[in-house]
Amino acid sequence: MATLVQAVRMALHYGEEHLGVTDIFGEDVGPPLGGVFTATQGLRTAWNTPLDERGIVGMAMGIAYAGGKPVAEIQFCDYGFNTIDLLKVAGNQRWAGAGNFAMPIVLMTPSGSGIRGSLYHSHSFESWAARLAGWKIVMPSTPLDAYGLMLSAIEDPNPVMVLLPKALLRVRGDKLIPGEPEDEQTLKEMIDAPVGDRTHWKPRWPKLEPYFIPLGVASLVREGQNATVVSYGRTLPLCVQAADQLTEEFGYTFDVLDLRSIFPYDWKAISRSILKTGRILIINEDTEVTNFGEHLLRRVIDHHFYDLLVRPRALMGKHNPGIGLNQEYERNTVPQLPHIKQAMREIAEEEA
């Protein structure tokens, strides 16, 4: 089974061979490194840029204006803050042009904690990104979803930001990417560059098949009756793990929704689940002030105030200036499995 980062790489290869991707670029994106997380190793259209995030976004806009279909990478989302003004411009171009000018940019960037990246490599970006009108924002939590969301992002005429959870990039999925070999070692030998000299290395790509996940459609990864849990990215598999443990220990069952798309998001799936369970808990690792989860809470209250059995709530990261290098600082700054399990148990047990 492929890892999430291998799935991204295969999606980009499919994109440049079949979906018209003209350029894949960013800091260390081209040879010999192929991206700091190896997401772009061996890609035919990959090339390196200077260390200039504003230049990367501006270049992507220029290529798109000229009729190209670029995929740009900001090496870590933490440095996307350097580009907010340009991201806003990119998001309003189709609107300003009455839909006559496509802006088919894919901007991918690793997001979130989990690698002990300390102050400058641990930020979450989805709440900031969701405020950028005109952009579509996705965050996969499995390799298959990463593959399907990336292909849909490439096909979309609007700018799409693909946030990749840093902590999950090396995690293997439990479902095959369409066309990948079943043996993990075979896939590694085919598409992973060797350590050391790569002068003469070339990937042997599997015969990949198209697989599109529509943007804005959530995935119900666990089904239950006691409460609805909405999450995405790094915290999603922790929610699944907590749900399974609480089922085994206490018999509680949960609807666990993987949002997958931050914007547009699947309100129908959220609403349908609330009507079934009457309880909702929203979980992510972004800081708790002006968090995207707070928007979801507001909409839940507006639409389902009289359908709720207990107060809706959210579990989010602490509103600290950053995350420290010490592992204990990181573990106590953003939700971990014990925090998630406790919050899920509390909402299931609260008396209506």
Protein backbone atom coordinates (compact mmCIF):
# COMPACT_ATOMS: atom_id res chain seq x y z
CA MET A 1 0.00 0.00 0.00
CA ALA A 2 1.23 3.48 -0.86
CA THR A 3 2.03 6.13 1.71
CA LEU A 4 0.24 9.46 1.49
CA VAL A 5 3.28 11.17 -0.03
CA GLN A 6 3.69 8.39 -2.61
CA ALA A 7 0.01 8.85 -3.50
CA VAL A 8 0.56 12.56 -4.07
CA ARG A 9 3.55 11.81 -6.28
CA MET A 10 1.58 9.31 -8.35
CA ALA A 11 -1.31 11.78 -8.70
CA LEU A 12 1.07 14.45 -9.96
CA HIS A 13 2.56 12.00 -12.44
CA TYR A 14 -0.92 11.12 -13.68
CA GLY A 15 -1.67 14.83 -13.88
CA GLU A 16 1.33 15.69 -16.03
CA GLU A 17 0.76 12.73 -18.34
CA HIS A 18 -3.04 12.84 -18.69
CA LEU A 19 -4.57 16.02 -17.23
CA GLY A 20 -2.45 18.71 -18.83
CA VAL A 21 -0.21 19.74 -15.92
CA THR A 22 2.50 21.90 -17.49
CA ASP A 23 4.73 22.79 -14.52
CA ILE A 24 5.38 21.41 -11.04
CA PHE A 25 7.68 23.75 -9.12
CA GLY A 26 8.79 25.14 -5.79
CA GLU A 27 11.77 25.15 -3.44
CA ASP A 28 13.74 21.89 -3.96
CA VAL A 29 10.81 20.44 -5.89
CA GLY A 30 12.91 19.44 -8.90
CA PRO A 31 15.92 17.12 -9.03
CA PRO A 32 17.89 15.97 -7.21
CA LEU A 33 15.80 16.24 -4.02
CA GLY A 34 12.26 16.01 -5.39
CA GLY A 35 10.72 17.93 -2.51
CA VAL A 36 11.63 18.03 1.16
CA PHE A 37 9.09 15.22 1.76
CA THR A 38 9.83 13.55 -1.65
CA ALA A 39 6.38 14.38 -3.06
CA THR A 40 7.83 15.36 -6.45
CA GLN A 41 10.62 12.85 -7.05
CA GLY A 42 11.01 11.75 -10.66
CA LEU A 43 8.32 14.00 -12.12
CA ARG A 44 8.94 15.07 -15.71
CA THR A 45 7.77 18.68 -15.35
CA ALA A 46 9.26 19.40 -11.89
CA TRP A 47 11.75 22.25 -11.47
CA ASN A 48 13.36 24.28 -8.68
CA THR A 49 12.64 27.88 -7.74
CA PRO A 50 14.50 30.36 -5.55
CA LEU A 51 13.55 30.53 -1.87
CA ASP A 52 10.75 32.99 -2.56
CA GLU A 53 7.17 32.05 -1.70
CA ARG A 54 5.75 35.23 -3.22
CA GLY A 55 7.63 34.49 -6.41
CA ILE A 56 6.22 30.94 -6.45
CA VAL A 57 2.61 32.13 -6.16
CA GLY A 58 3.17 34.94 -8.67
CA MET A 59 4.77 32.51 -11.13
CA ALA A 60 1.81 30.13 -10.77
CA MET A 61 -0.60 32.95 -11.56
CA GLY A 62 1.44 33.98 -14.60
CA ILE A 63 1.56 30.42 -15.96
CA ALA A 64 -2.20 30.06 -15.44
CA TYR A 65 -2.90 33.41 -17.15
CA ALA A 66 -0.85 32.20 -20.11
CA GLY A 67 -2.93 29.04 -20.48
CA GLY A 68 -0.79 26.62 -18.48
CA LYS A 69 -1.84 24.35 -15.64
CA PRO A 70 0.68 24.70 -12.80
CA VAL A 71 1.12 22.83 -9.53
CA ALA A 72 3.17 24.91 -7.11
CA GLU A 73 4.48 23.92 -3.71
CA ILE A 74 5.16 26.06 -0.67
CA GLN A 75 7.65 23.93 1.23
CA PHE A 76 5.86 24.41 4.58
CA CYS A 77 2.53 26.15 5.08
CA ASP A 78 4.18 28.28 7.75
CA TYR A 79 5.70 30.32 4.94
CA GLY A 80 2.37 30.73 3.18
CA PHE A 81 1.80 33.69 5.49
CA ASN A 82 4.30 35.55 3.29
CA THR A 83 1.87 35.29 0.37
CA ILE A 84 -1.58 36.11 1.81
CA ASP A 85 -2.08 39.20 -0.38
CA LEU A 86 -1.21 37.31 -3.57
CA LEU A 87 -3.42 34.39 -2.58
CA LYS A 88 -6.32 36.80 -2.21
CA VAL A 89 -5.64 38.21 -5.70
CA ALA A 90 -5.48 34.70 -7.18
CA GLY A 91 -8.79 33.85 -5.54
CA ASN A 92 -10.69 36.81 -6.94
CA GLN A 93 -9.61 36.63 -10.59
CA ARG A 94 -12.39 34.43 -11.97
CA TRP A 95 -14.98 36.45 -10.04
CA ALA A 96 -13.51 39.76 -11.22
CA GLY A 97 -13.51 38.49 -14.80
CA ALA A 98 -17.12 37.25 -14.67
CA GLY A 99 -15.89 33.68 -15.07
CA ASN A 100 -14.16 34.36 -18.37
CA PHE A 101 -10.63 33.74 -17.11
CA ALA A 102 -9.77 30.41 -15.49
CA MET A 103 -7.20 30.27 -12.70
CA PRO A 104 -6.31 26.54 -12.60
CA ILE A 105 -3.65 26.75 -9.90
CA VAL A 106 -2.97 23.89 -7.51
CA LEU A 107 -0.97 25.05 -4.49
CA MET A 108 0.11 22.21 -2.25
CA THR A 109 1.80 22.63 1.12
CA PRO A 110 2.42 20.50 4.23
CA SER A 111 0.37 21.64 7.22
CA GLY A 112 0.06 20.96 10.92
CA SER A 113 2.12 19.41 13.67
CA GLY A 114 3.44 15.93 14.31
CA ILE A 115 7.06 16.15 13.16
CA ARG A 116 8.43 18.21 16.08
CA GLY A 117 8.95 21.12 13.72
CA SER A 118 8.91 23.72 16.49
CA LEU A 119 7.94 27.36 15.90
CA TYR A 120 8.42 27.64 12.14
CA HIS A 121 7.32 24.24 10.83
CA SER A 122 4.25 23.32 12.89
CA HIS A 123 1.50 25.80 11.99
CA SER A 124 -1.91 24.83 10.68
CA PHE A 125 -3.20 26.82 7.73
CA GLU A 126 -6.76 25.74 6.99
CA SER A 127 -8.50 28.47 8.99
CA TRP A 128 -6.50 31.17 7.20
CA ALA A 129 -7.03 29.47 3.85
CA ALA A 130 -10.80 29.14 4.34
CA ARG A 131 -11.01 32.96 4.52
CA LEU A 132 -9.56 33.29 1.01
CA ALA A 133 -12.70 33.68 -1.08
CA GLY A 134 -12.37 32.08 -4.50
CA TRP A 135 -10.10 29.26 -3.32
CA LYS A 136 -11.10 25.66 -2.75
CA ILE A 137 -9.32 24.01 0.18
CA VAL A 138 -8.80 20.27 0.71
CA MET A 139 -6.95 18.20 3.31
CA PRO A 140 -6.74 14.42 2.84
CA SER A 141 -6.13 11.99 5.67
CA THR A 142 -5.52 8.82 3.60
CA PRO A 143 -3.37 8.03 0.54
CA LEU A 144 -6.37 7.14 -1.63
CA ASP A 145 -8.09 10.40 -0.72
CA ALA A 146 -4.88 12.30 -1.43
CA TYR A 147 -4.73 10.76 -4.90
CA GLY A 148 -8.40 11.41 -5.69
CA LEU A 149 -8.50 14.93 -4.28
CA MET A 150 -5.30 15.91 -6.09
CA LEU A 151 -6.69 14.76 -9.45
CA SER A 152 -9.89 16.74 -8.84
CA ALA A 153 -7.85 19.77 -7.81
CA ILE A 154 -5.85 19.59 -11.05
CA GLU A 155 -9.04 19.41 -13.11
CA ASP A 156 -10.73 22.35 -11.36
CA PRO A 157 -10.62 25.74 -13.16
CA ASN A 158 -10.40 27.54 -9.80
CA PRO A 159 -7.35 27.82 -7.54
CA VAL A 160 -7.23 24.85 -5.17
CA MET A 161 -5.05 24.55 -2.09
CA VAL A 162 -4.06 21.02 -1.10
CA LEU A 163 -3.02 20.93 2.54
CA LEU A 164 -1.02 17.81 3.34
CA PRO A 165 -0.91 16.76 7.02
CA LYS A 166 2.79 16.48 7.85
CA ALA A 167 2.28 13.75 10.44
CA LEU A 168 0.52 11.46 7.95
CA LEU A 169 2.82 11.78 4.94
CA ARG A 170 4.66 8.52 5.71
CA VAL A 171 1.55 6.61 6.83
CA ARG A 172 0.41 3.79 4.55
CA GLY A 173 -3.18 3.43 3.49
CA ASP A 174 -5.39 0.37 3.65
CA LYS A 175 -6.67 0.72 0.07
CA LEU A 176 -4.74 0.52 -3.17
CA ILE A 177 -4.33 3.48 -5.47
CA PRO A 178 -5.89 2.42 -8.81
CA GLY A 179 -3.03 0.90 -10.78
CA GLU A 180 -0.42 0.64 -8.01
CA PRO A 181 1.24 -2.74 -7.38
CA GLU A 182 0.01 -4.63 -4.34
CA ASP A 183 3.50 -5.18 -2.93
CA GLU A 184 4.88 -2.18 -0.98
CA GLN A 185 8.51 -3.01 -1.77
CA THR A 186 7.77 -3.24 -5.48
CA LEU A 187 6.22 0.23 -5.45
CA LYS A 188 9.17 1.61 -3.50
CA GLU A 189 11.64 0.17 -6.01
CA MET A 190 9.61 1.64 -8.86
CA ILE A 191 9.07 5.23 -7.74
CA ASP A 192 11.29 6.05 -4.71
CA ALA A 193 14.68 7.53 -5.57
CA PRO A 194 17.67 5.82 -3.97
CA VAL A 195 19.62 7.44 -1.17
CA GLY A 196 22.85 8.90 -2.51
CA ASP A 197 23.71 9.39 -6.16
CA ARG A 198 20.59 9.84 -8.29
CA THR A 199 22.33 10.96 -11.46
CA HIS A 200 21.05 8.12 -13.62
CA TRP A 201 17.92 7.18 -11.66
CA LYS A 202 14.55 7.29 -13.37
CA PRO A 203 11.22 6.12 -11.93
CA ARG A 204 9.27 3.24 -13.41
CA TRP A 205 5.72 4.48 -13.02
CA PRO A 206 2.92 1.94 -12.58
CA LYS A 207 0.05 2.11 -15.05
CA LEU A 208 -2.10 4.42 -12.95
CA GLU A 209 -5.82 4.85 -13.46
CA PRO A 210 -8.03 7.90 -12.91
CA TYR A 211 -9.79 8.25 -9.57
CA PHE A 212 -11.55 11.52 -8.79
CA ILE A 213 -13.03 12.50 -5.43
CA PRO A 214 -15.44 15.41 -5.91
CA LEU A 215 -14.40 18.49 -3.97
CA GLY A 216 -16.86 19.26 -1.18
CA VAL A 217 -17.88 15.67 -0.39
CA ALA A 218 -17.16 14.23 3.07
CA SER A 219 -16.51 10.59 3.91
CA LEU A 220 -18.36 8.74 6.68
CA VAL A 221 -15.55 6.56 8.04
CA ARG A 222 -17.40 5.25 11.10
CA GLU A 223 -21.15 5.02 11.65
CA GLY A 224 -22.89 5.22 15.01
CA GLN A 225 -25.67 6.63 17.18
CA ASN A 226 -24.21 8.38 20.22
CA ALA A 227 -22.61 11.48 18.66
CA THR A 228 -21.28 13.05 15.47
CA VAL A 229 -17.54 13.74 15.25
CA VAL A 230 -16.27 15.95 12.43
CA SER A 231 -12.57 16.12 11.67
CA TYR A 232 -9.91 16.03 8.93
CA GLY A 233 -6.16 15.72 8.46
CA ARG A 234 -3.93 14.54 11.32
CA THR A 235 -6.70 14.30 13.90
CA LEU A 236 -9.02 12.20 11.73
CA PRO A 237 -7.32 8.81 12.28
CA LEU A 238 -7.10 9.65 16.00
CA CYS A 239 -10.87 10.17 16.04
CA VAL A 240 -11.35 6.79 14.37
CA GLN A 241 -9.03 5.14 16.87
CA ALA A 242 -10.84 6.77 19.79
CA ALA A 243 -14.24 5.76 18.38
CA ASP A 244 -13.16 2.13 18.07
CA GLN A 245 -11.79 2.08 21.62
CA LEU A 246 -14.93 3.66 23.08
CA THR A 247 -17.09 1.14 21.24
CA GLU A 248 -15.04 -1.73 22.65
CA GLU A 249 -14.86 -0.33 26.20
CA PHE A 250 -18.31 1.24 26.70
CA GLY A 251 -20.44 0.34 23.71
CA TYR A 252 -20.66 3.92 22.43
CA THR A 253 -20.81 4.37 18.67
CA PHE A 254 -20.07 7.48 16.65
CA ASP A 255 -20.58 8.94 13.22
CA VAL A 256 -17.02 9.98 12.32
CA LEU A 257 -17.01 12.32 9.32
CA ASP A 258 -13.80 12.99 7.43
CA LEU A 259 -14.54 16.41 5.98
CA ARG A 260 -11.78 16.08 3.32
CA SER A 261 -12.77 19.44 1.79
CA ILE A 262 -12.48 22.46 4.08
CA PHE A 263 -14.14 24.63 1.46
CA PRO A 264 -16.54 23.92 -0.04
CA TYR A 265 -17.53 21.58 2.78
CA ASP A 266 -20.22 18.93 2.94
CA TRP A 267 -22.88 20.63 5.04
CA LYS A 268 -25.50 18.09 3.99
CA ALA A 269 -23.46 15.25 5.50
CA ILE A 270 -22.93 17.18 8.75
CA SER A 271 -26.60 18.13 8.97
CA ARG A 272 -27.81 14.61 8.23
CA SER A 273 -25.64 13.18 10.99
CA ILE A 274 -26.72 15.78 13.56
CA LEU A 275 -30.36 14.94 12.90
CA LYS A 276 -29.52 11.30 13.68
CA THR A 277 -27.35 11.73 16.79
CA GLY A 278 -28.35 15.11 18.27
CA ARG A 279 -24.75 15.68 19.40
CA ILE A 280 -21.72 17.08 17.59
CA LEU A 281 -18.03 17.43 18.38
CA ILE A 282 -15.69 19.16 15.92
CA ILE A 283 -11.98 18.35 16.20
CA ASN A 284 -8.91 19.85 14.55
CA GLU A 285 -5.44 20.99 15.57
CA ASP A 286 -5.54 24.63 14.46
CA THR A 287 -5.47 27.28 17.19
CA GLU A 288 -8.79 27.80 18.90
CA VAL A 289 -9.35 31.52 18.24
CA THR A 290 -11.04 32.18 14.86
CA ASN A 291 -10.72 28.50 14.07
CA PHE A 292 -12.58 27.05 11.07
CA GLY A 293 -14.34 24.75 13.53
CA GLU A 294 -15.90 27.82 15.13
CA HIS A 295 -17.58 28.63 11.83
CA LEU A 296 -19.02 25.12 11.74
CA LEU A 297 -20.25 25.53 15.34
CA ARG A 298 -22.00 28.78 14.44
CA ARG A 299 -23.74 27.14 11.49
CA VAL A 300 -24.73 24.13 13.59
CA ILE A 301 -26.36 26.45 16.14
CA ASP A 302 -28.09 28.52 13.45
CA HIS A 303 -29.57 25.49 11.67
CA HIS A 304 -29.92 22.82 14.38
CA PHE A 305 -30.39 24.60 17.71
CA TYR A 306 -33.63 22.73 18.42
CA ASP A 307 -32.31 19.41 17.12
CA LEU A 308 -29.40 19.26 19.57
CA LEU A 309 -29.68 17.15 22.73
CA VAL A 310 -26.59 18.71 24.35
CA ARG A 311 -24.44 21.73 23.63
CA PRO A 312 -22.24 21.44 20.52
CA ARG A 313 -18.53 21.72 21.16
CA ALA A 314 -15.11 21.76 19.55
CA LEU A 315 -11.68 20.44 20.51
CA MET A 316 -8.90 22.53 18.99
CA GLY A 317 -5.28 23.53 19.47
CA LYS A 318 -4.28 25.94 22.23
CA HIS A 319 -3.97 29.62 21.30
CA ASN A 320 -0.21 29.75 21.80
CA PRO A 321 2.24 31.79 19.72
CA GLY A 322 3.77 28.55 18.46
CA ILE A 323 4.66 24.95 19.22
CA GLY A 324 7.88 24.22 21.09
CA LEU A 325 10.53 21.77 19.92
CA ASN A 326 10.21 19.69 23.07
CA GLN A 327 7.89 16.77 22.37
CA GLU A 328 5.89 17.45 25.54
CA TYR A 329 5.18 20.99 24.38
CA GLU A 330 3.88 19.72 21.06
CA ARG A 331 1.80 16.95 22.59
CA ASN A 332 0.13 19.37 25.02
CA THR A 333 -0.46 22.14 22.49
CA VAL A 334 -2.57 20.24 19.94
CA PRO A 335 -5.16 17.46 20.47
CA GLN A 336 -3.76 13.96 20.96
CA LEU A 337 -5.54 10.61 21.29
CA PRO A 338 -6.23 10.90 25.07
CA HIS A 339 -7.71 14.40 24.66
CA ILE A 340 -9.89 13.26 21.76
CA LYS A 341 -11.06 10.12 23.51
CA GLN A 342 -12.00 12.09 26.64
CA ALA A 343 -13.94 14.70 24.63
CA MET A 344 -15.82 11.99 22.71
CA ARG A 345 -16.70 10.11 25.87
CA GLU A 346 -17.93 13.29 27.56
CA ILE A 347 -20.29 14.25 24.74
CA ALA A 348 -21.63 10.70 24.54
CA GLU A 349 -22.31 10.57 28.29
CA GLU A 350 -23.69 14.08 28.86
CA GLU A 351 -27.30 13.88 30.01
CA ALA A 352 -29.76 15.34 27.49
